[in-house]
Amino acid sequence: MPKGKLDHAFHQVLQKGDKAFVPYIMAGDGGLDQLNEQISFLEACGATAVEVGIPFSDPVADGPTIQKAGIRALKNHVTLEKVLDTLREAKPKRNIPIVVMSYINPIYAMGVKRFAAYCEQAGIDGLIIPDLPLEEEDIITKQLAIFQIALIRLAALTSTDHRMQEIINRTEGFLYAVTVTGTTGERAQFKENLAAHLKMLQEKSAVPVLAGFGVSTPEQVKELAVNCDGVIVGSRIVDLLHDKNYDAIQELIAAARQ
């Protein structure tokens, strides 16, 4: 049975026969005053959870779209602490799970213990740290466990079989299946063997498997979701929010419903 808010959200969606949809947004792109409103909109559209990105000066996993959004947010003087403060304000009336995506530097600068406690106060359910290798996780795992915050691991296409199995065994909340080699950003097509790769991950994983990186159209959402438990869409959502194209966002999320 589901243990936390994130587990419960996935359980509800998958039990209905639908697929999970997790949109990524850059916190503070357009101003932090818009963050909670954006989350409420995505929740109303039927998103399963929302991944909230923390702007950072050296985002090694991010493609051009998210890099530009991060720069816009940094120009608005957005910080990790300000993002968590903003999320905390809306915690009492928010039902959708929140996953924070941050590089390790802002967390380390804030202090791991303080960060974990702050996340609990802000109602954070999961955390993604793309530049934290398995070998260094001890600096944060114990603190996250105290507050039952899931540490979500990324499984790269280039991982060895042994490494992949270790990632699968350790991940919490869901497994983030990276669908491309390279950074985030829209792709016209994916590798031919991707379907088999996603099926393999799903067979081995005890938690839902979500495909992310490069997903940008309703057709791609449907195509990838056939072979896993759902998708994560980042760059396209960031662009559409920036352009205020809310109808296209609704179409993307609706594509995950079977």
C-alpha atoms as a PDB file:
ATOM      1  CA  MET A   1       0.000   0.000   0.000  1.00  0.00           C
ATOM      2  CA  PRO A   2       1.135   3.606  -0.557  1.00  0.00           C
ATOM      3  CA  LYS A   3       3.220   5.043   2.272  1.00  0.00           C
ATOM      4  CA  GLY A   4       3.425   8.767   1.525  1.00  0.00           C
ATOM      5  CA  LYS A   5       1.716  11.464  -0.492  1.00  0.00           C
ATOM      6  CA  LEU A   6       3.829  10.723  -3.575  1.00  0.00           C
ATOM      7  CA  ASP A   7       3.196   6.968  -3.374  1.00  0.00           C
ATOM      8  CA  HIS A   8      -0.519   7.581  -2.883  1.00  0.00           C
ATOM      9  CA  ALA A   9      -0.728   9.875  -5.916  1.00  0.00           C
ATOM     10  CA  PHE A  10       0.921   7.302  -8.193  1.00  0.00           C
ATOM     11  CA  HIS A  11      -1.220   4.507  -6.773  1.00  0.00           C
ATOM     12  CA  GLN A  12      -4.432   6.416  -7.501  1.00  0.00           C
ATOM     13  CA  VAL A  13      -3.478   7.215 -11.092  1.00  0.00           C
ATOM     14  CA  LEU A  14      -2.129   3.783 -12.016  1.00  0.00           C
ATOM     15  CA  GLN A  15      -5.014   1.969 -10.339  1.00  0.00           C
ATOM     16  CA  LYS A  16      -7.392   3.768 -12.721  1.00  0.00           C
ATOM     17  CA  GLY A  17      -5.368   2.529 -15.684  1.00  0.00           C
ATOM     18  CA  ASP A  18      -4.003   5.993 -16.472  1.00  0.00           C
ATOM     19  CA  LYS A  19      -0.352   7.025 -16.617  1.00  0.00           C
ATOM     20  CA  ALA A  20       1.397   9.514 -14.366  1.00  0.00           C
ATOM     21  CA  PHE A  21       2.291  12.962 -15.679  1.00  0.00           C
ATOM     22  CA  VAL A  22       4.834  15.084 -13.829  1.00  0.00           C
ATOM     23  CA  PRO A  23       5.459  18.571 -15.260  1.00  0.00           C
ATOM     24  CA  TYR A  24       8.699  20.392 -14.448  1.00  0.00           C
ATOM     25  CA  ILE A  25       8.664  24.127 -13.776  1.00  0.00           C
ATOM     26  CA  MET A  26      11.508  26.513 -13.006  1.00  0.00           C
ATOM     27  CA  ALA A  27      10.799  28.250  -9.710  1.00  0.00           C
ATOM     28  CA  GLY A  28      10.890  32.020 -10.107  1.00  0.00           C
ATOM     29  CA  ASP A  29      10.776  32.144 -13.894  1.00  0.00           C
ATOM     30  CA  GLY A  30       8.456  35.119 -14.284  1.00  0.00           C
ATOM     31  CA  GLY A  31       8.652  35.843 -10.555  1.00  0.00           C
ATOM     32  CA  LEU A  32       8.218  33.753  -7.415  1.00  0.00           C
ATOM     33  CA  ASP A  33       4.776  35.261  -6.915  1.00  0.00           C
ATOM     34  CA  GLN A  34       3.608  33.031  -9.786  1.00  0.00           C
ATOM     35  CA  LEU A  35       4.960  29.728  -8.406  1.00  0.00           C
ATOM     36  CA  ASN A  36       2.025  28.600  -6.268  1.00  0.00           C
ATOM     37  CA  GLU A  37      -0.443  29.761  -8.905  1.00  0.00           C
ATOM     38  CA  GLN A  38       1.380  27.686 -11.539  1.00  0.00           C
ATOM     39  CA  ILE A  39       1.296  24.624  -9.289  1.00  0.00           C
ATOM     40  CA  SER A  40      -2.444  25.087  -8.666  1.00  0.00           C
ATOM     41  CA  PHE A  41      -3.045  25.317 -12.406  1.00  0.00           C
ATOM     42  CA  LEU A  42      -1.076  22.119 -13.102  1.00  0.00           C
ATOM     43  CA  GLU A  43      -2.925  20.338 -10.311  1.00  0.00           C
ATOM     44  CA  ALA A  44      -6.262  21.415 -11.805  1.00  0.00           C
ATOM     45  CA  CYS A  45      -5.120  20.093 -15.191  1.00  0.00           C
ATOM     46  CA  GLY A  46      -4.599  16.630 -13.700  1.00  0.00           C
ATOM     47  CA  ALA A  47      -0.851  16.458 -13.090  1.00  0.00           C
ATOM     48  CA  THR A  48       0.162  13.642 -10.733  1.00  0.00           C
ATOM     49  CA  ALA A  49       2.932  15.643  -9.045  1.00  0.00           C
ATOM     50  CA  VAL A  50       4.928  18.772  -9.872  1.00  0.00           C
ATOM     51  CA  GLU A  51       8.713  18.901 -10.161  1.00  0.00           C
ATOM     52  CA  VAL A  52       9.973  22.315  -9.053  1.00  0.00           C
ATOM     53  CA  GLY A  53      13.416  23.277 -10.316  1.00  0.00           C
ATOM     54  CA  ILE A  54      15.784  25.436  -8.291  1.00  0.00           C
ATOM     55  CA  PRO A  55      17.708  27.938 -10.449  1.00  0.00           C
ATOM     56  CA  PHE A  56      21.455  27.357 -10.435  1.00  0.00           C
ATOM     57  CA  SER A  57      24.377  29.039 -12.197  1.00  0.00           C
ATOM     58  CA  ASP A  58      25.912  25.816 -13.577  1.00  0.00           C
ATOM     59  CA  PRO A  59      23.034  23.441 -14.459  1.00  0.00           C
ATOM     60  CA  VAL A  60      24.977  20.556 -16.038  1.00  0.00           C
ATOM     61  CA  ALA A  61      21.920  18.406 -16.837  1.00  0.00           C
ATOM     62  CA  ASP A  62      19.789  21.163 -18.351  1.00  0.00           C
ATOM     63  CA  GLY A  63      19.392  22.072 -21.988  1.00  0.00           C
ATOM     64  CA  PRO A  64      18.992  25.588 -23.432  1.00  0.00           C
ATOM     65  CA  THR A  65      15.320  26.118 -22.513  1.00  0.00           C
ATOM     66  CA  ILE A  66      15.718  25.332 -18.817  1.00  0.00           C
ATOM     67  CA  GLN A  67      19.065  27.141 -18.667  1.00  0.00           C
ATOM     68  CA  LYS A  68      17.383  30.306 -19.973  1.00  0.00           C
ATOM     69  CA  ALA A  69      14.532  29.903 -17.479  1.00  0.00           C
ATOM     70  CA  GLY A  70      17.083  29.510 -14.691  1.00  0.00           C
ATOM     71  CA  ILE A  71      18.893  32.668 -15.769  1.00  0.00           C
ATOM     72  CA  ARG A  72      15.602  34.588 -15.789  1.00  0.00           C
ATOM     73  CA  ALA A  73      14.874  33.315 -12.266  1.00  0.00           C
ATOM     74  CA  LEU A  74      18.360  34.196 -10.996  1.00  0.00           C
ATOM     75  CA  LYS A  75      17.911  37.708 -12.378  1.00  0.00           C
ATOM     76  CA  ASN A  76      14.803  37.857 -10.171  1.00  0.00           C
ATOM     77  CA  HIS A  77      17.090  37.045  -7.195  1.00  0.00           C
ATOM     78  CA  VAL A  78      15.459  33.662  -6.640  1.00  0.00           C
ATOM     79  CA  THR A  79      17.221  31.416  -4.113  1.00  0.00           C
ATOM     80  CA  LEU A  80      16.594  27.946  -2.711  1.00  0.00           C
ATOM     81  CA  GLU A  81      15.456  29.426   0.602  1.00  0.00           C
ATOM     82  CA  LYS A  82      13.022  31.823  -1.086  1.00  0.00           C
ATOM     83  CA  VAL A  83      11.545  28.965  -3.134  1.00  0.00           C
ATOM     84  CA  LEU A  84      10.975  26.834  -0.037  1.00  0.00           C
ATOM     85  CA  ASP A  85       9.456  29.811   1.785  1.00  0.00           C
ATOM     86  CA  THR A  86       7.053  30.348  -1.117  1.00  0.00           C
ATOM     87  CA  LEU A  87       6.072  26.676  -1.215  1.00  0.00           C
ATOM     88  CA  ARG A  88       5.544  26.668   2.547  1.00  0.00           C
ATOM     89  CA  GLU A  89       3.016  29.516   2.255  1.00  0.00           C
ATOM     90  CA  ALA A  90       0.710  27.366   0.105  1.00  0.00           C
ATOM     91  CA  LYS A  91       1.285  24.058   1.896  1.00  0.00           C
ATOM     92  CA  PRO A  92      -2.043  24.068   3.829  1.00  0.00           C
ATOM     93  CA  LYS A  93      -4.165  24.324   0.673  1.00  0.00           C
ATOM     94  CA  ARG A  94      -1.989  22.242  -1.686  1.00  0.00           C
ATOM     95  CA  ASN A  95      -2.920  18.615  -2.347  1.00  0.00           C
ATOM     96  CA  ILE A  96      -0.542  17.698  -5.160  1.00  0.00           C
ATOM     97  CA  PRO A  97       2.870  16.202  -4.230  1.00  0.00           C
ATOM     98  CA  ILE A  98       5.916  18.405  -4.816  1.00  0.00           C
ATOM     99  CA  VAL A  99       9.300  17.120  -5.944  1.00  0.00           C
ATOM    100  CA  VAL A 100      12.205  19.571  -5.781  1.00  0.00           C
ATOM    101  CA  MET A 101      14.990  19.299  -8.358  1.00  0.00           C
ATOM    102  CA  SER A 102      18.188  20.948  -7.156  1.00  0.00           C
ATOM    103  CA  TYR A 103      21.877  20.560  -7.765  1.00  0.00           C
ATOM    104  CA  ILE A 104      23.867  19.697  -4.662  1.00  0.00           C
ATOM    105  CA  ASN A 105      25.685  23.054  -4.284  1.00  0.00           C
ATOM    106  CA  PRO A 106      22.676  25.138  -3.131  1.00  0.00           C
ATOM    107  CA  ILE A 107      21.694  22.368  -0.700  1.00  0.00           C
ATOM    108  CA  TYR A 108      25.216  22.077   0.675  1.00  0.00           C
ATOM    109  CA  ALA A 109      25.502  25.865   1.000  1.00  0.00           C
ATOM    110  CA  MET A 110      22.233  25.983   2.926  1.00  0.00           C
ATOM    111  CA  GLY A 111      23.283  23.114   5.182  1.00  0.00           C
ATOM    112  CA  VAL A 112      21.932  19.590   4.709  1.00  0.00           C
ATOM    113  CA  LYS A 113      20.175  19.383   8.091  1.00  0.00           C
ATOM    114  CA  ARG A 114      18.587  22.796   7.689  1.00  0.00           C
ATOM    115  CA  PHE A 115      17.573  21.999   4.113  1.00  0.00           C
ATOM    116  CA  ALA A 116      15.853  18.729   5.051  1.00  0.00           C
ATOM    117  CA  ALA A 117      13.933  20.382   7.893  1.00  0.00           C
ATOM    118  CA  TYR A 118      12.989  23.290   5.606  1.00  0.00           C
ATOM    119  CA  CYS A 119      11.683  20.809   2.997  1.00  0.00           C
ATOM    120  CA  GLU A 120       9.467  19.152   5.582  1.00  0.00           C
ATOM    121  CA  GLN A 121       8.065  22.533   6.625  1.00  0.00           C
ATOM    122  CA  ALA A 122       7.426  23.417   2.964  1.00  0.00           C
ATOM    123  CA  GLY A 123       5.624  20.141   2.257  1.00  0.00           C
ATOM    124  CA  ILE A 124       8.226  18.649  -0.092  1.00  0.00           C
ATOM    125  CA  ASP A 125       7.593  14.979  -0.869  1.00  0.00           C
ATOM    126  CA  GLY A 126      10.569  14.102  -3.054  1.00  0.00           C
ATOM    127  CA  LEU A 127      13.978  15.333  -4.125  1.00  0.00           C
ATOM    128  CA  ILE A 128      16.020  14.941  -7.309  1.00  0.00           C
ATOM    129  CA  ILE A 129      19.736  15.825  -7.253  1.00  0.00           C
ATOM    130  CA  PRO A 130      21.125  15.101 -10.736  1.00  0.00           C
ATOM    131  CA  ASP A 131      24.780  15.735  -9.877  1.00  0.00           C
ATOM    132  CA  LEU A 132      24.884  13.646  -6.678  1.00  0.00           C
ATOM    133  CA  PRO A 133      26.450  10.213  -7.379  1.00  0.00           C
ATOM    134  CA  LEU A 134      25.433   7.136  -5.404  1.00  0.00           C
ATOM    135  CA  GLU A 135      28.822   7.099  -3.692  1.00  0.00           C
ATOM    136  CA  GLU A 136      28.216  10.533  -2.123  1.00  0.00           C
ATOM    137  CA  GLU A 137      24.565  10.123  -1.085  1.00  0.00           C
ATOM    138  CA  ASP A 138      25.377   9.594   2.577  1.00  0.00           C
ATOM    139  CA  ILE A 139      25.702  13.340   3.019  1.00  0.00           C
ATOM    140  CA  ILE A 140      21.920  13.679   2.693  1.00  0.00           C
ATOM    141  CA  THR A 141      20.055  10.332   2.851  1.00  0.00           C
ATOM    142  CA  LYS A 142      19.861  10.107   6.652  1.00  0.00           C
ATOM    143  CA  GLN A 143      18.449  13.607   6.975  1.00  0.00           C
ATOM    144  CA  LEU A 144      15.841  13.009   4.271  1.00  0.00           C
ATOM    145  CA  ALA A 145      14.807   9.737   5.912  1.00  0.00           C
ATOM    146  CA  ILE A 146      14.015  11.576   9.161  1.00  0.00           C
ATOM    147  CA  PHE A 147      11.319  13.545   7.345  1.00  0.00           C
ATOM    148  CA  GLN A 148      10.290  10.735   4.937  1.00  0.00           C
ATOM    149  CA  ILE A 149      11.334  12.706   1.861  1.00  0.00           C
ATOM    150  CA  ALA A 150      11.930  10.407  -1.110  1.00  0.00           C
ATOM    151  CA  LEU A 151      15.294  10.613  -2.882  1.00  0.00           C
ATOM    152  CA  ILE A 152      14.530   9.931  -6.532  1.00  0.00           C
ATOM    153  CA  ARG A 153      17.385   8.512  -8.586  1.00  0.00           C
ATOM    154  CA  LEU A 154      18.024   8.952 -12.303  1.00  0.00           C
ATOM    155  CA  ALA A 155      18.791   5.953 -14.495  1.00  0.00           C
ATOM    156  CA  ALA A 156      20.898   6.906 -17.529  1.00  0.00           C
ATOM    157  CA  LEU A 157      20.897   4.987 -20.797  1.00  0.00           C
ATOM    158  CA  THR A 158      24.664   4.664 -20.516  1.00  0.00           C
ATOM    159  CA  SER A 159      24.670   3.025 -17.060  1.00  0.00           C
ATOM    160  CA  THR A 160      26.179  -0.455 -16.795  1.00  0.00           C
ATOM    161  CA  ASP A 161      23.863  -3.321 -15.820  1.00  0.00           C
ATOM    162  CA  HIS A 162      25.352  -3.443 -12.321  1.00  0.00           C
ATOM    163  CA  ARG A 163      25.038   0.315 -11.854  1.00  0.00           C
ATOM    164  CA  MET A 164      21.494   0.303 -13.190  1.00  0.00           C
ATOM    165  CA  GLN A 165      20.449  -2.388 -10.729  1.00  0.00           C
ATOM    166  CA  GLU A 166      21.955  -0.434  -7.839  1.00  0.00           C
ATOM    167  CA  ILE A 167      20.049   2.688  -8.889  1.00  0.00           C
ATOM    168  CA  ILE A 168      16.813   0.688  -9.181  1.00  0.00           C
ATOM    169  CA  ASN A 169      17.333  -0.816  -5.727  1.00  0.00           C
ATOM    170  CA  ARG A 170      17.991   2.537  -4.069  1.00  0.00           C
ATOM    171  CA  THR A 171      15.466   4.853  -5.693  1.00  0.00           C
ATOM    172  CA  GLU A 172      12.463   6.071  -3.707  1.00  0.00           C
ATOM    173  CA  GLY A 173       9.157   7.532  -4.887  1.00  0.00           C
ATOM    174  CA  PHE A 174       9.808   6.679  -8.512  1.00  0.00           C
ATOM    175  CA  LEU A 175      12.630   5.845 -10.888  1.00  0.00           C
ATOM    176  CA  TYR A 176      13.523   8.672 -13.287  1.00  0.00           C
ATOM    177  CA  ALA A 177      14.336   6.922 -16.563  1.00  0.00           C
ATOM    178  CA  VAL A 178      16.418   9.310 -18.679  1.00  0.00           C
ATOM    179  CA  THR A 179      15.386   8.757 -22.296  1.00  0.00           C
ATOM    180  CA  VAL A 180      18.278  10.443 -24.117  1.00  0.00           C
ATOM    181  CA  THR A 181      22.032  10.764 -23.875  1.00  0.00           C
ATOM    182  CA  GLY A 182      22.719  14.417 -23.161  1.00  0.00           C
ATOM    183  CA  THR A 183      20.889  17.294 -21.515  1.00  0.00           C
ATOM    184  CA  THR A 184      17.204  18.114 -21.258  1.00  0.00           C
ATOM    185  CA  GLY A 185      15.372  19.572 -24.238  1.00  0.00           C
ATOM    186  CA  GLU A 186      12.876  18.664 -26.912  1.00  0.00           C
ATOM    187  CA  ARG A 187      13.671  15.776 -29.280  1.00  0.00           C
ATOM    188  CA  ALA A 188      12.050  14.813 -32.577  1.00  0.00           C
ATOM    189  CA  GLN A 189      12.485  11.098 -31.904  1.00  0.00           C
ATOM    190  CA  PHE A 190      13.974   8.594 -29.503  1.00  0.00           C
ATOM    191  CA  LYS A 191      16.286   5.603 -29.904  1.00  0.00           C
ATOM    192  CA  GLU A 192      14.722   2.466 -31.381  1.00  0.00           C
ATOM    193  CA  ASN A 193      15.546   0.307 -28.371  1.00  0.00           C
ATOM    194  CA  LEU A 194      14.077   2.753 -25.841  1.00  0.00           C
ATOM    195  CA  ALA A 195      10.785   0.836 -25.514  1.00  0.00           C
ATOM    196  CA  ALA A 196      12.598  -2.363 -24.544  1.00  0.00           C
ATOM    197  CA  HIS A 197      14.796  -0.412 -22.118  1.00  0.00           C
ATOM    198  CA  LEU A 198      11.776   1.124 -20.347  1.00  0.00           C
ATOM    199  CA  LYS A 199      10.030  -2.243 -20.123  1.00  0.00           C
ATOM    200  CA  MET A 200      13.159  -3.737 -18.564  1.00  0.00           C
ATOM    201  CA  LEU A 201      13.287  -0.991 -15.940  1.00  0.00           C
ATOM    202  CA  GLN A 202       9.610  -1.438 -15.151  1.00  0.00           C
ATOM    203  CA  GLU A 203      10.044  -5.189 -14.685  1.00  0.00           C
ATOM    204  CA  LYS A 204      12.938  -4.688 -12.261  1.00  0.00           C
ATOM    205  CA  SER A 205      11.680  -1.676 -10.316  1.00  0.00           C
ATOM    206  CA  ALA A 206       9.518  -1.880  -7.194  1.00  0.00           C
ATOM    207  CA  VAL A 207       8.425   1.754  -7.687  1.00  0.00           C
ATOM    208  CA  PRO A 208       6.868   3.465 -10.732  1.00  0.00           C
ATOM    209  CA  VAL A 209       9.145   4.175 -13.703  1.00  0.00           C
ATOM    210  CA  LEU A 210       8.756   7.597 -15.327  1.00  0.00           C
ATOM    211  CA  ALA A 211      10.418   8.551 -18.604  1.00  0.00           C
ATOM    212  CA  GLY A 212      11.878  12.031 -18.893  1.00  0.00           C
ATOM    213  CA  PHE A 213      14.177  14.263 -21.014  1.00  0.00           C
ATOM    214  CA  GLY A 214      13.098  15.197 -24.509  1.00  0.00           C
ATOM    215  CA  VAL A 215       9.337  14.601 -24.161  1.00  0.00           C
ATOM    216  CA  SER A 216       7.503  17.479 -25.802  1.00  0.00           C
ATOM    217  CA  THR A 217       4.324  16.384 -27.636  1.00  0.00           C
ATOM    218  CA  PRO A 218       1.091  14.554 -26.717  1.00  0.00           C
ATOM    219  CA  GLU A 219       2.106  11.860 -29.201  1.00  0.00           C
ATOM    220  CA  GLN A 220       5.433  11.314 -27.425  1.00  0.00           C
ATOM    221  CA  VAL A 221       3.659  11.195 -24.068  1.00  0.00           C
ATOM    222  CA  LYS A 222       1.436   8.386 -25.332  1.00  0.00           C
ATOM    223  CA  GLU A 223       4.301   6.602 -27.111  1.00  0.00           C
ATOM    224  CA  LEU A 224       6.567   6.484 -24.066  1.00  0.00           C
ATOM    225  CA  ALA A 225       3.844   5.829 -21.485  1.00  0.00           C
ATOM    226  CA  VAL A 226       2.950   2.535 -23.183  1.00  0.00           C
ATOM    227  CA  ASN A 227       6.182   1.038 -21.870  1.00  0.00           C
ATOM    228  CA  CYS A 228       6.410   2.639 -18.400  1.00  0.00           C
ATOM    229  CA  ASP A 229       4.268   4.190 -15.677  1.00  0.00           C
ATOM    230  CA  GLY A 230       4.311   7.785 -16.851  1.00  0.00           C
ATOM    231  CA  VAL A 231       6.334  10.720 -18.130  1.00  0.00           C
ATOM    232  CA  ILE A 232       8.078  13.872 -16.963  1.00  0.00           C
ATOM    233  CA  VAL A 233       7.907  16.903 -19.256  1.00  0.00           C
ATOM    234  CA  GLY A 234      10.208  19.839 -18.581  1.00  0.00           C
ATOM    235  CA  SER A 235      11.453  22.079 -21.382  1.00  0.00           C
ATOM    236  CA  ARG A 236       8.134  22.087 -23.232  1.00  0.00           C
ATOM    237  CA  ILE A 237       6.182  22.981 -20.079  1.00  0.00           C
ATOM    238  CA  VAL A 238       8.667  25.757 -19.255  1.00  0.00           C
ATOM    239  CA  ASP A 239       8.267  27.209 -22.765  1.00  0.00           C
ATOM    240  CA  LEU A 240       4.472  26.958 -22.696  1.00  0.00           C
ATOM    241  CA  LEU A 241       4.226  28.646 -19.289  1.00  0.00           C
ATOM    242  CA  HIS A 242       6.556  31.389 -20.486  1.00  0.00           C
ATOM    243  CA  ASP A 243       4.325  31.898 -23.552  1.00  0.00           C
ATOM    244  CA  LYS A 244       1.130  31.571 -21.462  1.00  0.00           C
ATOM    245  CA  ASN A 245      -0.077  28.784 -23.767  1.00  0.00           C
ATOM    246  CA  TYR A 246      -2.206  27.035 -21.162  1.00  0.00           C
ATOM    247  CA  ASP A 247      -4.326  25.066 -23.653  1.00  0.00           C
ATOM    248  CA  ALA A 248      -1.248  23.226 -24.950  1.00  0.00           C
ATOM    249  CA  ILE A 249      -0.278  22.309 -21.369  1.00  0.00           C
ATOM    250  CA  GLN A 250      -3.720  20.829 -20.801  1.00  0.00           C
ATOM    251  CA  GLU A 251      -3.365  18.766 -23.995  1.00  0.00           C
ATOM    252  CA  LEU A 252      -0.007  17.380 -22.871  1.00  0.00           C
ATOM    253  CA  ILE A 253      -1.323  16.321 -19.464  1.00  0.00           C
ATOM    254  CA  ALA A 254      -4.491  14.852 -20.953  1.00  0.00           C
ATOM    255  CA  ALA A 255      -2.376  12.616 -23.209  1.00  0.00           C
ATOM    256  CA  ALA A 256      -1.342  10.584 -20.140  1.00  0.00           C
ATOM    257  CA  ARG A 257      -4.948   9.514 -19.539  1.00  0.00           C
ATOM    258  CA  GLN A 258      -5.658   6.191 -21.203  1.00  0.00           C
END
